[in-house]
């Protein structure tokens, strides 16, 4: 066997082995790309992204190392209390995001930045959300589920629901645990037949008007008190002058001409 034949007999199996390893890396995500406590599986349907499941993993925060090719992310039934701004910024393929049954309390303006063009379903049900930024869902085209949260119905929530693509469906499931209008507490959000943003503005205007009236009343009271005090001082001074004895006449002082006959 010539040296060339020997080299070929050894290099061809090595090349086949390398090709197999490359295919395995491309088709199956390695353990290092999957967040701790989660399982990752390649989707069989196009675009063949990853299905990342982190359910019941006792997570207290959203994993920062979610693979960028993730198209389904299950984060339900954990202890997540915060959705940081831009946490999903690099997940351009994400279609479904499940954050239900957690302890999320509020949502900022940039919570879902980066998901505007891809996200189809967002599940935020069964959390502790009371308030959201008015633009939290503004650019999302996804179907959002926000039921079973202790909502405080105010202007920001009204604006947030109004900016959602499927706002009517989401609004039908929102129950006001508390509200700017006390008679709406415990009622469905759609039962709030009022512009809560103008209500807040009117309340502020009334408060300013009452404050201004209070200051005006204080100024008037001070002026009245000042005038009366001056009048009282003048009266006392006049009475004092009247109480003084008259000056006696001197012996050589001529009589008044008007007394002479």
Protein backbone atom coordinates (compact mmCIF):
# COMPACT_ATOMS: atom_id res chain seq x y z
CA UNK A 1 0.00 0.00 0.00
CA UNK A 2 1.41 3.36 -1.05
CA UNK A 3 1.63 6.28 1.41
CA UNK A 4 -1.18 8.02 -0.49
CA UNK A 5 -3.50 5.05 -0.12
CA UNK A 6 -2.65 4.84 3.56
CA UNK A 7 -3.38 8.55 4.08
CA UNK A 8 -6.70 8.31 2.22
CA UNK A 9 -7.74 5.26 4.21
CA UNK A 10 -7.27 7.22 7.42
CA UNK A 11 -8.54 10.66 6.34
CA UNK A 12 -11.86 9.55 4.83
CA UNK A 13 -13.25 8.04 8.10
CA UNK A 14 -12.01 11.09 9.95
CA UNK A 15 -13.87 13.39 7.56
CA UNK A 16 -17.04 11.35 7.92
CA UNK A 17 -16.75 11.54 11.71
CA UNK A 18 -16.33 15.31 11.61
CA UNK A 19 -19.36 15.67 9.35
CA UNK A 20 -21.42 13.60 11.76
CA UNK A 21 -20.37 15.78 14.68
CA UNK A 22 -21.26 18.94 12.77
CA UNK A 23 -24.69 17.55 11.91
CA UNK A 24 -25.28 16.61 15.54
CA UNK A 25 -24.39 20.11 16.70
CA UNK A 26 -26.70 21.69 14.13
CA UNK A 27 -29.64 19.37 14.73
CA UNK A 28 -29.48 18.96 18.50
CA UNK A 29 -28.76 21.80 20.93
CA UNK A 30 -25.96 21.09 23.31
CA UNK A 31 -26.45 21.13 27.07
CA UNK A 32 -24.45 24.35 27.32
CA UNK A 33 -26.99 26.30 25.20
CA UNK A 34 -29.97 25.34 27.35
CA UNK A 35 -30.65 27.37 30.53
CA UNK A 36 -30.17 25.63 33.84
CA UNK A 37 -33.31 23.84 35.00
CA UNK A 38 -34.84 23.88 31.52
CA UNK A 39 -35.14 21.40 28.66
CA UNK A 40 -34.57 22.33 25.03
CA UNK A 41 -35.94 20.48 22.05
CA UNK A 42 -35.70 21.29 18.37
CA UNK A 43 -39.08 21.97 16.79
CA UNK A 44 -40.12 19.74 13.90
CA UNK A 45 -42.09 22.52 12.21
CA UNK A 46 -40.50 25.44 10.36
CA UNK A 47 -38.50 27.48 11.13
CA UNK A 48 -37.18 24.60 13.28
CA UNK A 49 -36.42 26.74 16.30
CA UNK A 50 -36.11 25.60 19.91
CA UNK A 51 -38.89 24.79 22.34
CA UNK A 52 -37.50 25.77 25.74
CA UNK A 53 -39.46 24.46 28.73
CA UNK A 54 -38.67 25.82 32.19
CA UNK A 55 -41.98 25.02 33.86
CA UNK A 56 -41.97 24.07 37.56
CA UNK A 57 -38.25 24.80 37.84
CA UNK A 58 -38.46 27.06 40.93
CA UNK A 59 -36.98 29.93 38.97
CA UNK A 60 -36.92 33.31 40.71
CA UNK A 61 -35.89 35.24 37.62
CA UNK A 62 -36.02 34.90 33.85
CA UNK A 63 -32.90 33.06 32.58
CA UNK A 64 -30.62 35.52 30.78
CA UNK A 65 -29.11 32.80 28.55
CA UNK A 66 -32.17 31.69 26.58
CA UNK A 67 -30.96 30.58 23.11
CA UNK A 68 -31.64 33.19 20.41
CA UNK A 69 -33.33 30.58 18.18
CA UNK A 70 -36.04 29.90 20.77
CA UNK A 71 -39.56 30.01 19.34
CA UNK A 72 -41.49 28.64 22.36
CA UNK A 73 -40.56 29.64 25.91
CA UNK A 74 -42.42 28.09 28.84
CA UNK A 75 -41.69 29.92 32.10
CA UNK A 76 -44.96 29.10 33.85
CA UNK A 77 -45.40 27.93 37.46
CA UNK A 78 -42.24 29.46 38.88
CA UNK A 79 -41.49 32.27 41.35
CA UNK A 80 -40.65 35.03 38.86
CA UNK A 81 -41.59 38.45 40.24
CA UNK A 82 -39.94 40.79 37.73
CA UNK A 83 -39.79 41.14 33.95
CA UNK A 84 -36.72 43.35 33.36
CA UNK A 85 -36.71 45.77 30.44
CA UNK A 86 -35.27 44.29 27.22
CA UNK A 87 -34.86 40.82 28.76
CA UNK A 88 -36.23 39.24 25.55
CA UNK A 89 -34.45 41.62 23.18
CA UNK A 90 -32.37 38.96 21.41
CA UNK A 91 -35.20 36.43 20.86
CA UNK A 92 -36.20 37.42 17.33
CA UNK A 93 -37.84 34.04 16.60
CA UNK A 94 -39.97 33.83 19.75
CA UNK A 95 -43.63 33.13 18.95
CA UNK A 96 -45.14 31.96 22.21
CA UNK A 97 -44.22 33.17 25.71
CA UNK A 98 -45.85 31.66 28.79
CA UNK A 99 -45.34 33.54 32.07
CA UNK A 100 -48.51 32.37 33.77
CA UNK A 101 -48.72 31.26 37.42
CA UNK A 102 -45.83 33.38 38.64
CA UNK A 103 -45.49 36.34 41.02
CA UNK A 104 -45.10 39.20 38.53
CA UNK A 105 -46.43 42.45 40.08
CA UNK A 106 -45.84 45.14 37.46
CA UNK A 107 -44.68 45.57 33.85
CA UNK A 108 -42.46 48.36 32.55
CA UNK A 109 -42.43 50.08 29.19
CA UNK A 110 -39.58 47.94 27.80
CA UNK A 111 -40.59 44.54 29.18
CA UNK A 112 -41.29 43.05 25.74
CA UNK A 113 -38.98 45.11 23.55
CA UNK A 114 -37.69 42.99 20.65
CA UNK A 115 -40.79 40.78 20.36
CA UNK A 116 -42.94 43.21 18.36
CA UNK A 117 -42.58 41.42 15.04
CA UNK A 118 -42.56 37.75 16.07
CA UNK A 119 -44.64 37.16 19.22
CA UNK A 120 -48.06 35.62 18.62
CA UNK A 121 -49.20 34.57 22.12
CA UNK A 122 -48.32 36.07 25.50
CA UNK A 123 -49.75 34.48 28.64
CA UNK A 124 -49.57 36.61 31.80
CA UNK A 125 -52.55 35.10 33.58
CA UNK A 126 -52.54 34.05 37.25
CA UNK A 127 -49.91 36.53 38.45
CA UNK A 128 -49.97 39.43 40.92
CA UNK A 129 -50.01 42.23 38.38
CA UNK A 130 -51.69 45.39 39.65
CA UNK A 131 -50.34 47.95 37.20
CA UNK A 132 -48.58 48.26 33.86
CA UNK A 133 -46.90 51.03 31.93
CA UNK A 134 -49.30 52.53 29.41
CA UNK A 135 -46.99 51.45 26.53
CA UNK A 136 -46.14 47.97 27.82
CA UNK A 137 -48.15 46.26 25.04
CA UNK A 138 -48.25 49.16 22.58
CA UNK A 139 -46.29 47.60 19.70
CA UNK A 140 -47.16 43.94 20.26
CA UNK A 141 -49.31 42.12 17.73
CA UNK A 142 -49.69 39.11 20.01
CA UNK A 143 -52.81 37.76 21.66
CA UNK A 144 -52.31 38.68 25.31
CA UNK A 145 -53.94 36.89 28.25
CA UNK A 146 -54.01 38.96 31.44
CA UNK A 147 -56.89 37.43 33.42
CA UNK A 148 -56.72 36.43 37.10
CA UNK A 149 -54.58 39.34 38.24
CA UNK A 150 -55.41 41.83 41.03
CA UNK A 151 -55.70 44.78 38.65
CA UNK A 152 -55.94 48.40 39.76
CA UNK A 153 -58.09 50.00 37.06
CA UNK A 154 -56.62 53.39 36.29
CA UNK A 155 -55.61 55.58 33.37
CA UNK A 156 -52.43 53.59 32.59
CA UNK A 157 -54.33 50.29 32.36
CA UNK A 158 -56.99 51.87 30.17
CA UNK A 159 -54.31 53.15 27.80
CA UNK A 160 -52.40 49.84 27.84
CA UNK A 161 -55.47 47.79 26.93
CA UNK A 162 -56.44 50.33 24.30
CA UNK A 163 -53.07 49.89 22.59
CA UNK A 164 -53.27 46.10 22.34
CA UNK A 165 -54.10 44.38 19.07
CA UNK A 166 -56.69 42.12 20.75
CA UNK A 167 -57.70 44.62 23.41
CA UNK A 168 -61.39 43.71 23.57
CA UNK A 169 -60.70 40.05 24.31
CA UNK A 170 -58.13 40.97 26.96
CA UNK A 171 -60.37 43.63 28.53
CA UNK A 172 -63.26 41.19 28.94
CA UNK A 173 -61.09 39.11 31.30
CA UNK A 174 -59.81 41.98 33.44
CA UNK A 175 -61.46 42.31 36.85
CA UNK A 176 -60.88 45.50 38.84
CA UNK A 177 -59.60 44.52 42.28
CA UNK A 178 -59.38 48.27 42.95
CA UNK A 179 -60.26 51.31 40.86
CA UNK A 180 -60.07 55.08 40.65
CA UNK A 181 -63.86 54.86 40.87
CA UNK A 182 -64.82 53.16 44.09
CA UNK A 183 -68.12 51.86 42.75
CA UNK A 184 -66.22 49.91 40.07
CA UNK A 185 -64.18 47.82 42.52
CA UNK A 186 -64.84 44.13 41.95
CA UNK A 187 -66.43 44.84 38.57
CA UNK A 188 -65.20 43.82 35.07
CA UNK A 189 -63.02 46.42 33.42
CA UNK A 190 -65.50 46.87 30.57
CA UNK A 191 -68.08 47.97 33.15
CA UNK A 192 -65.96 51.08 33.78
CA UNK A 193 -67.92 53.49 31.60
CA UNK A 194 -65.64 56.48 32.14
CA UNK A 195 -62.48 58.05 30.83
CA UNK A 196 -60.14 57.32 33.72
CA UNK A 197 -57.44 59.59 32.28
CA UNK A 198 -59.73 62.64 32.25
CA UNK A 199 -60.99 61.60 35.67
CA UNK A 200 -57.48 61.82 37.05
CA UNK A 201 -57.02 65.19 35.35
CA UNK A 202 -60.27 66.51 36.78
CA UNK A 203 -59.31 65.28 40.23
CA UNK A 204 -56.00 67.12 39.93
CA UNK A 205 -57.78 70.26 38.74
CA UNK A 206 -60.18 70.12 41.67
CA UNK A 207 -57.30 69.66 44.08
CA UNK A 208 -55.48 72.66 42.61
CA UNK A 209 -58.66 74.73 42.76
CA UNK A 210 -59.25 73.85 46.42
CA UNK A 211 -55.62 74.63 47.23
CA UNK A 212 -55.78 77.99 45.47
CA UNK A 213 -59.06 78.83 47.23
CA UNK A 214 -57.49 77.92 50.57
CA UNK A 215 -54.53 80.22 49.96
CA UNK A 216 -56.83 83.01 48.80
CA UNK A 217 -58.95 82.63 51.94
CA UNK A 218 -55.82 82.77 54.09
CA UNK A 219 -54.67 85.99 52.38
CA UNK A 220 -58.09 87.63 52.80
CA UNK A 221 -58.23 86.59 56.44
CA UNK A 222 -54.80 88.06 57.06
CA UNK A 223 -55.73 91.36 55.37
CA UNK A 224 -58.96 91.62 57.38
CA UNK A 225 -57.08 90.83 60.60
CA UNK A 226 -54.40 93.41 59.75
CA UNK A 227 -56.96 96.17 59.03
CA UNK A 228 -58.95 95.44 62.18
CA UNK A 229 -55.79 95.37 64.28
CA UNK A 230 -54.72 98.74 62.92
CA UNK A 231 -58.17 100.18 63.59
CA UNK A 232 -58.04 98.90 67.15
CA UNK A 233 -54.59 100.39 67.70
CA UNK A 234 -55.74 103.74 66.29
CA UNK A 235 -58.81 103.76 68.56
CA UNK A 236 -56.70 103.02 71.62
CA UNK A 237 -54.22 105.73 70.69
CA UNK A 238 -57.05 108.26 70.26
CA UNK A 239 -58.55 107.34 73.60
CA UNK A 240 -55.13 107.75 75.18
CA UNK A 241 -54.75 111.23 73.71
CA UNK A 242 -58.19 112.21 74.97
CA UNK A 243 -57.33 111.01 78.47
CA UNK A 244 -54.34 113.33 78.74
CA UNK A 245 -54.96 116.53 80.94
CA UNK A 246 -55.33 119.82 79.07
CA UNK A 247 -52.39 122.29 79.21
CA UNK A 248 -52.99 125.18 81.80
CA UNK A 249 -52.79 128.83 80.60
CA UNK A 250 -49.85 131.03 81.56
CA UNK A 251 -50.57 134.30 83.59
CA UNK A 252 -49.20 136.70 80.97
CA UNK A 253 -50.99 134.89 78.12
CA UNK A 254 -53.48 137.31 76.50
CA UNK A 255 -57.07 136.38 76.38
CA UNK A 256 -58.56 135.22 73.20
CA UNK A 257 -59.88 138.06 71.10
CA UNK A 258 -63.12 136.25 70.64
CA UNK A 259 -63.80 136.57 74.41
CA UNK A 260 -63.46 140.35 74.47
CA UNK A 261 -66.77 142.26 74.37
